[in-house]
């Protein structure tokens, strides 16, 4: 699927309180990258006592049509899955994106589909804080091959339970997976993490790519946190300047 102008998912994690979380979301929404914001991704914030309020506040300042990306990487504890989604579904978010681990059983995908038909599911495999060498050491194959194997297994098992293939609409696909996803699984919209343009440090990410390369490679959405929220102060690049540069990269890559 071709990326749309609103292709950035702002990752807001490790914030200490509601006020700072809301401030960051609002600042990016109003900043140079705001016109390209497709939504906000929350992970650890979801487990905070004020997580519900943070999501509601984010929705209130997001541009029309933007969504919330809930990133709990759900596994196979059915009641926990239901409770975590229910906390944010309907009364706060009409159609959130929710990540499910590719290692979850087909039963998990089926259950979430049945109970929360408005949820858009993103299947998640190898995180970008693993190196390719680490993937090979653990599993004997690089990230793109692992993702292919896991998707084959998920789809086969899911289709054995359901007559229609709908375990997920989206896939978390790092840059090294995009060619495989584009060729073998074009039905998935790809969400690409590990975005680090040349003015940024890698930080905790191992398998990184630039904004333009990810979009040209087939990503529909890009997950960005540090690049938009912090920039690279050691190089004299503020968060706002990094947002401005990122916006230019999006415009160039999409021919806007």
Foldseek 3Di string as FASTA:
>chain_A
DAADQQFEAAEDPDDDDLVVLLVLLLDLCPAQLNVNHQEYEYEVLLVDPCSQVSLQSSVVRHPPNHFYEYEPQAAEPQVVVVVSVVSCDDVRGPEYEYEHELNHALVNLVVCCVVPVRYAYEYEYDDQLDAQVNCCVVPVHGDQVVVVVSVVVRQVRNCVVDVDRPSHQAYAAALVNLVVCVVPPVSHAYEYEQADDPQGDSPSGHRHDHLLSSSLSRHRHYYDYCLQRANHVVSPQGNSNSSNVSSVSSCVSVVD
